[in-house]
């Protein structure tokens, strides 16, 4: 009985926050998809929306702490550890077949070095960020931002809560 009370107190506000964050993430992703990045006049606005997207994506999927309102923590608190693990396993999969770097590594590198923390950078960091971002935006690269989002949403939609 105490467990039920805890779950109802904890999961309901958590669920409301998760739903709100997912709506925001979807909106930001949809806005990103509307830009023609081949036109120079769109670059600044694209980067502004990308920054907004990557901050929320980082908070929702890349955080590892148990006190975070990440999607994985939500599923763990809801008794669906397997869904959380499936998301984590996907994010920990290789971004490139020829380089030992995960999808999580790439997204955290961009978020931490250039958006959330603005860590000290070197020229190599700039080149690497440009390379990563061009791959994420490239519709012919796999994975890219669209395929990453689709894969994660497929996992969520197949869960008990996603249905």
C-alpha atoms as a PDB file:
ATOM      1  CA  UNK A   1       0.000   0.000   0.000  1.00  0.00           C
ATOM      2  CA  UNK A   2       2.818   2.429   0.840  1.00  0.00           C
ATOM      3  CA  UNK A   3       4.364   1.677  -2.574  1.00  0.00           C
ATOM      4  CA  UNK A   4       1.100   2.616  -4.325  1.00  0.00           C
ATOM      5  CA  UNK A   5       0.943   5.902  -2.422  1.00  0.00           C
ATOM      6  CA  UNK A   6       4.575   6.681  -3.284  1.00  0.00           C
ATOM      7  CA  UNK A   7       4.060   5.834  -6.957  1.00  0.00           C
ATOM      8  CA  UNK A   8       0.906   7.953  -7.196  1.00  0.00           C
ATOM      9  CA  UNK A   9       2.638  10.928  -5.545  1.00  0.00           C
ATOM     10  CA  UNK A  10       5.823  10.598  -7.545  1.00  0.00           C
ATOM     11  CA  UNK A  11       4.803   9.299 -10.973  1.00  0.00           C
ATOM     12  CA  UNK A  12       1.801  11.560 -11.644  1.00  0.00           C
ATOM     13  CA  UNK A  13       3.745  14.868 -11.512  1.00  0.00           C
ATOM     14  CA  UNK A  14       6.642  13.076 -13.185  1.00  0.00           C
ATOM     15  CA  UNK A  15       4.284  11.907 -15.956  1.00  0.00           C
ATOM     16  CA  UNK A  16       2.908  15.422 -16.423  1.00  0.00           C
ATOM     17  CA  UNK A  17       6.454  16.803 -16.737  1.00  0.00           C
ATOM     18  CA  UNK A  18       7.478  14.025 -19.122  1.00  0.00           C
ATOM     19  CA  UNK A  19       4.438  14.631 -21.338  1.00  0.00           C
ATOM     20  CA  UNK A  20       5.085  18.383 -21.391  1.00  0.00           C
ATOM     21  CA  UNK A  21       8.780  17.857 -22.183  1.00  0.00           C
ATOM     22  CA  UNK A  22       7.974  15.385 -24.962  1.00  0.00           C
ATOM     23  CA  UNK A  23       5.548  17.874 -26.510  1.00  0.00           C
ATOM     24  CA  UNK A  24       8.243  20.559 -26.377  1.00  0.00           C
ATOM     25  CA  UNK A  25      10.861  18.213 -27.825  1.00  0.00           C
ATOM     26  CA  UNK A  26       8.535  17.252 -30.675  1.00  0.00           C
ATOM     27  CA  UNK A  27       7.780  20.904 -31.396  1.00  0.00           C
ATOM     28  CA  UNK A  28      11.461  21.842 -31.456  1.00  0.00           C
ATOM     29  CA  UNK A  29      12.307  18.879 -33.647  1.00  0.00           C
ATOM     30  CA  UNK A  30       9.502  19.771 -36.052  1.00  0.00           C
ATOM     31  CA  UNK A  31      10.827  23.342 -36.247  1.00  0.00           C
ATOM     32  CA  UNK A  32      14.348  22.045 -36.953  1.00  0.00           C
ATOM     33  CA  UNK A  33      12.977  19.942 -39.794  1.00  0.00           C
ATOM     34  CA  UNK A  34      11.454  23.007 -41.464  1.00  0.00           C
ATOM     35  CA  UNK A  35      14.760  24.800 -42.093  1.00  0.00           C
ATOM     36  CA  UNK A  36      16.517  24.679 -45.431  1.00  0.00           C
ATOM     37  CA  UNK A  37      20.055  24.587 -44.091  1.00  0.00           C
ATOM     38  CA  UNK A  38      21.517  24.954 -47.569  1.00  0.00           C
ATOM     39  CA  UNK A  39      20.560  28.638 -47.381  1.00  0.00           C
ATOM     40  CA  UNK A  40      23.021  30.704 -45.377  1.00  0.00           C
ATOM     41  CA  UNK A  41      20.316  33.059 -44.071  1.00  0.00           C
ATOM     42  CA  UNK A  42      18.761  30.130 -42.176  1.00  0.00           C
ATOM     43  CA  UNK A  43      21.895  29.052 -40.294  1.00  0.00           C
ATOM     44  CA  UNK A  44      21.565  31.304 -37.241  1.00  0.00           C
ATOM     45  CA  UNK A  45      17.920  30.483 -36.659  1.00  0.00           C
ATOM     46  CA  UNK A  46      18.604  26.769 -37.207  1.00  0.00           C
ATOM     47  CA  UNK A  47      21.392  26.879 -34.612  1.00  0.00           C
ATOM     48  CA  UNK A  48      19.149  28.721 -32.152  1.00  0.00           C
ATOM     49  CA  UNK A  49      16.426  26.066 -32.441  1.00  0.00           C
ATOM     50  CA  UNK A  50      19.033  23.271 -32.429  1.00  0.00           C
ATOM     51  CA  UNK A  51      20.456  24.620 -29.159  1.00  0.00           C
ATOM     52  CA  UNK A  52      16.989  24.645 -27.636  1.00  0.00           C
ATOM     53  CA  UNK A  53      16.370  21.112 -28.878  1.00  0.00           C
ATOM     54  CA  UNK A  54      19.698  19.689 -27.687  1.00  0.00           C
ATOM     55  CA  UNK A  55      19.302  21.163 -24.186  1.00  0.00           C
ATOM     56  CA  UNK A  56      15.942  19.446 -23.745  1.00  0.00           C
ATOM     57  CA  UNK A  57      17.124  16.217 -25.397  1.00  0.00           C
ATOM     58  CA  UNK A  58      20.117  16.142 -23.053  1.00  0.00           C
ATOM     59  CA  UNK A  59      17.912  16.629 -19.987  1.00  0.00           C
ATOM     60  CA  UNK A  60      15.370  14.029 -21.089  1.00  0.00           C
ATOM     61  CA  UNK A  61      17.620  11.260 -22.418  1.00  0.00           C
ATOM     62  CA  UNK A  62      21.298  11.783 -21.628  1.00  0.00           C
ATOM     63  CA  UNK A  63      21.294  12.430 -17.878  1.00  0.00           C
ATOM     64  CA  UNK A  64      22.353   9.484 -15.732  1.00  0.00           C
ATOM     65  CA  UNK A  65      21.446  10.654 -12.184  1.00  0.00           C
ATOM     66  CA  UNK A  66      18.596   8.973 -10.340  1.00  0.00           C
ATOM     67  CA  UNK A  67      17.062  12.322  -9.324  1.00  0.00           C
ATOM     68  CA  UNK A  68      16.665  13.571 -12.897  1.00  0.00           C
ATOM     69  CA  UNK A  69      13.333  13.742 -14.722  1.00  0.00           C
ATOM     70  CA  UNK A  70      14.765  11.726 -17.587  1.00  0.00           C
ATOM     71  CA  UNK A  71      12.603   9.414 -19.646  1.00  0.00           C
ATOM     72  CA  UNK A  72      14.678   6.443 -18.492  1.00  0.00           C
ATOM     73  CA  UNK A  73      14.108   7.331 -14.814  1.00  0.00           C
ATOM     74  CA  UNK A  74      10.411   7.717 -15.512  1.00  0.00           C
ATOM     75  CA  UNK A  75      10.259   4.198 -16.943  1.00  0.00           C
ATOM     76  CA  UNK A  76      12.337   2.803 -14.069  1.00  0.00           C
ATOM     77  CA  UNK A  77      10.011   4.417 -11.512  1.00  0.00           C
ATOM     78  CA  UNK A  78       7.033   3.043 -13.433  1.00  0.00           C
ATOM     79  CA  UNK A  79       8.372  -0.509 -13.237  1.00  0.00           C
ATOM     80  CA  UNK A  80       9.476  -0.684 -16.886  1.00  0.00           C
ATOM     81  CA  UNK A  81      13.230  -1.083 -16.470  1.00  0.00           C
ATOM     82  CA  UNK A  82      13.429  -2.889 -19.831  1.00  0.00           C
ATOM     83  CA  UNK A  83      12.168   0.200 -21.694  1.00  0.00           C
ATOM     84  CA  UNK A  84      14.717   2.418 -19.930  1.00  0.00           C
ATOM     85  CA  UNK A  85      17.478  -0.065 -20.743  1.00  0.00           C
ATOM     86  CA  UNK A  86      16.410  -0.271 -24.388  1.00  0.00           C
ATOM     87  CA  UNK A  87      16.657   3.528 -24.712  1.00  0.00           C
ATOM     88  CA  UNK A  88      20.044   3.550 -22.954  1.00  0.00           C
ATOM     89  CA  UNK A  89      21.352   0.688 -25.079  1.00  0.00           C
ATOM     90  CA  UNK A  90      20.334   2.486 -28.257  1.00  0.00           C
ATOM     91  CA  UNK A  91      21.958   5.751 -27.142  1.00  0.00           C
ATOM     92  CA  UNK A  92      25.108   3.803 -26.228  1.00  0.00           C
ATOM     93  CA  UNK A  93      25.266   2.176 -29.681  1.00  0.00           C
ATOM     94  CA  UNK A  94      27.906   3.302 -32.170  1.00  0.00           C
ATOM     95  CA  UNK A  95      27.236   6.486 -34.099  1.00  0.00           C
ATOM     96  CA  UNK A  96      29.686   5.532 -36.866  1.00  0.00           C
ATOM     97  CA  UNK A  97      30.763   2.075 -37.972  1.00  0.00           C
ATOM     98  CA  UNK A  98      34.372   3.238 -38.290  1.00  0.00           C
ATOM     99  CA  UNK A  99      34.728   5.193 -35.003  1.00  0.00           C
ATOM    100  CA  UNK A 100      34.228   4.062 -31.422  1.00  0.00           C
ATOM    101  CA  UNK A 101      31.851   6.837 -30.360  1.00  0.00           C
ATOM    102  CA  UNK A 102      28.250   6.388 -29.277  1.00  0.00           C
ATOM    103  CA  UNK A 103      25.174   8.396 -30.164  1.00  0.00           C
ATOM    104  CA  UNK A 104      25.144   9.542 -26.519  1.00  0.00           C
ATOM    105  CA  UNK A 105      28.800  10.645 -26.773  1.00  0.00           C
ATOM    106  CA  UNK A 106      28.126  12.716 -29.883  1.00  0.00           C
ATOM    107  CA  UNK A 107      25.045  14.452 -28.486  1.00  0.00           C
ATOM    108  CA  UNK A 108      26.646  15.076 -25.073  1.00  0.00           C
ATOM    109  CA  UNK A 109      29.796  16.431 -26.731  1.00  0.00           C
ATOM    110  CA  UNK A 110      27.779  19.011 -28.651  1.00  0.00           C
ATOM    111  CA  UNK A 111      25.540  19.859 -25.695  1.00  0.00           C
ATOM    112  CA  UNK A 112      28.309  20.072 -23.108  1.00  0.00           C
ATOM    113  CA  UNK A 113      31.036  21.733 -25.133  1.00  0.00           C
ATOM    114  CA  UNK A 114      28.961  24.246 -27.057  1.00  0.00           C
ATOM    115  CA  UNK A 115      25.507  24.737 -25.552  1.00  0.00           C
ATOM    116  CA  UNK A 116      24.953  23.842 -21.902  1.00  0.00           C
ATOM    117  CA  UNK A 117      28.385  24.389 -20.366  1.00  0.00           C
ATOM    118  CA  UNK A 118      30.380  26.176 -23.035  1.00  0.00           C
ATOM    119  CA  UNK A 119      33.481  24.266 -21.954  1.00  0.00           C
ATOM    120  CA  UNK A 120      36.961  25.305 -23.113  1.00  0.00           C
ATOM    121  CA  UNK A 121      37.419  24.237 -26.726  1.00  0.00           C
ATOM    122  CA  UNK A 122      40.253  23.694 -29.148  1.00  0.00           C
ATOM    123  CA  UNK A 123      40.261  23.856 -32.951  1.00  0.00           C
ATOM    124  CA  UNK A 124      39.882  20.085 -33.118  1.00  0.00           C
ATOM    125  CA  UNK A 125      36.726  20.377 -30.986  1.00  0.00           C
ATOM    126  CA  UNK A 126      35.238  22.860 -33.468  1.00  0.00           C
ATOM    127  CA  UNK A 127      36.019  20.596 -36.400  1.00  0.00           C
ATOM    128  CA  UNK A 128      34.577  17.589 -34.580  1.00  0.00           C
ATOM    129  CA  UNK A 129      31.410  19.502 -33.636  1.00  0.00           C
ATOM    130  CA  UNK A 130      30.960  20.635 -37.252  1.00  0.00           C
ATOM    131  CA  UNK A 131      31.401  17.046 -38.423  1.00  0.00           C
ATOM    132  CA  UNK A 132      28.949  15.670 -35.850  1.00  0.00           C
ATOM    133  CA  UNK A 133      26.347  18.341 -36.547  1.00  0.00           C
ATOM    134  CA  UNK A 134      26.603  17.884 -40.303  1.00  0.00           C
ATOM    135  CA  UNK A 135      25.995  14.145 -39.835  1.00  0.00           C
ATOM    136  CA  UNK A 136      23.055  14.751 -37.521  1.00  0.00           C
ATOM    137  CA  UNK A 137      21.493  17.100 -40.084  1.00  0.00           C
ATOM    138  CA  UNK A 138      22.314  14.920 -43.101  1.00  0.00           C
ATOM    139  CA  UNK A 139      19.159  13.091 -44.290  1.00  0.00           C
ATOM    140  CA  UNK A 140      21.364  10.441 -45.942  1.00  0.00           C
ATOM    141  CA  UNK A 141      23.442   9.653 -42.842  1.00  0.00           C
ATOM    142  CA  UNK A 142      22.279   6.917 -40.529  1.00  0.00           C
ATOM    143  CA  UNK A 143      21.893   7.590 -37.711  1.00  0.00           C
ATOM    144  CA  UNK A 144      20.945  11.222 -38.048  1.00  0.00           C
ATOM    145  CA  UNK A 145      18.787  13.362 -35.794  1.00  0.00           C
ATOM    146  CA  UNK A 146      15.577  12.209 -37.487  1.00  0.00           C
ATOM    147  CA  UNK A 147      16.416   8.492 -37.252  1.00  0.00           C
ATOM    148  CA  UNK A 148      17.543   8.878 -33.630  1.00  0.00           C
ATOM    149  CA  UNK A 149      14.259  10.535 -32.698  1.00  0.00           C
ATOM    150  CA  UNK A 150      12.243   7.958 -34.651  1.00  0.00           C
ATOM    151  CA  UNK A 151      14.030   5.068 -32.960  1.00  0.00           C
ATOM    152  CA  UNK A 152      13.530   6.467 -29.459  1.00  0.00           C
ATOM    153  CA  UNK A 153       9.860   7.261 -30.125  1.00  0.00           C
ATOM    154  CA  UNK A 154       9.355   3.738 -31.486  1.00  0.00           C
ATOM    155  CA  UNK A 155      10.661   2.359 -28.172  1.00  0.00           C
ATOM    156  CA  UNK A 156       8.391   4.710 -26.215  1.00  0.00           C
ATOM    157  CA  UNK A 157       5.336   3.986 -28.368  1.00  0.00           C
ATOM    158  CA  UNK A 158       5.844   0.239 -27.872  1.00  0.00           C
ATOM    159  CA  UNK A 159       5.900   0.609 -24.086  1.00  0.00           C
ATOM    160  CA  UNK A 160       2.872   0.221 -21.802  1.00  0.00           C
ATOM    161  CA  UNK A 161       2.751   3.967 -21.170  1.00  0.00           C
ATOM    162  CA  UNK A 162       3.313   4.905 -24.812  1.00  0.00           C
ATOM    163  CA  UNK A 163       0.277   2.959 -25.960  1.00  0.00           C
END
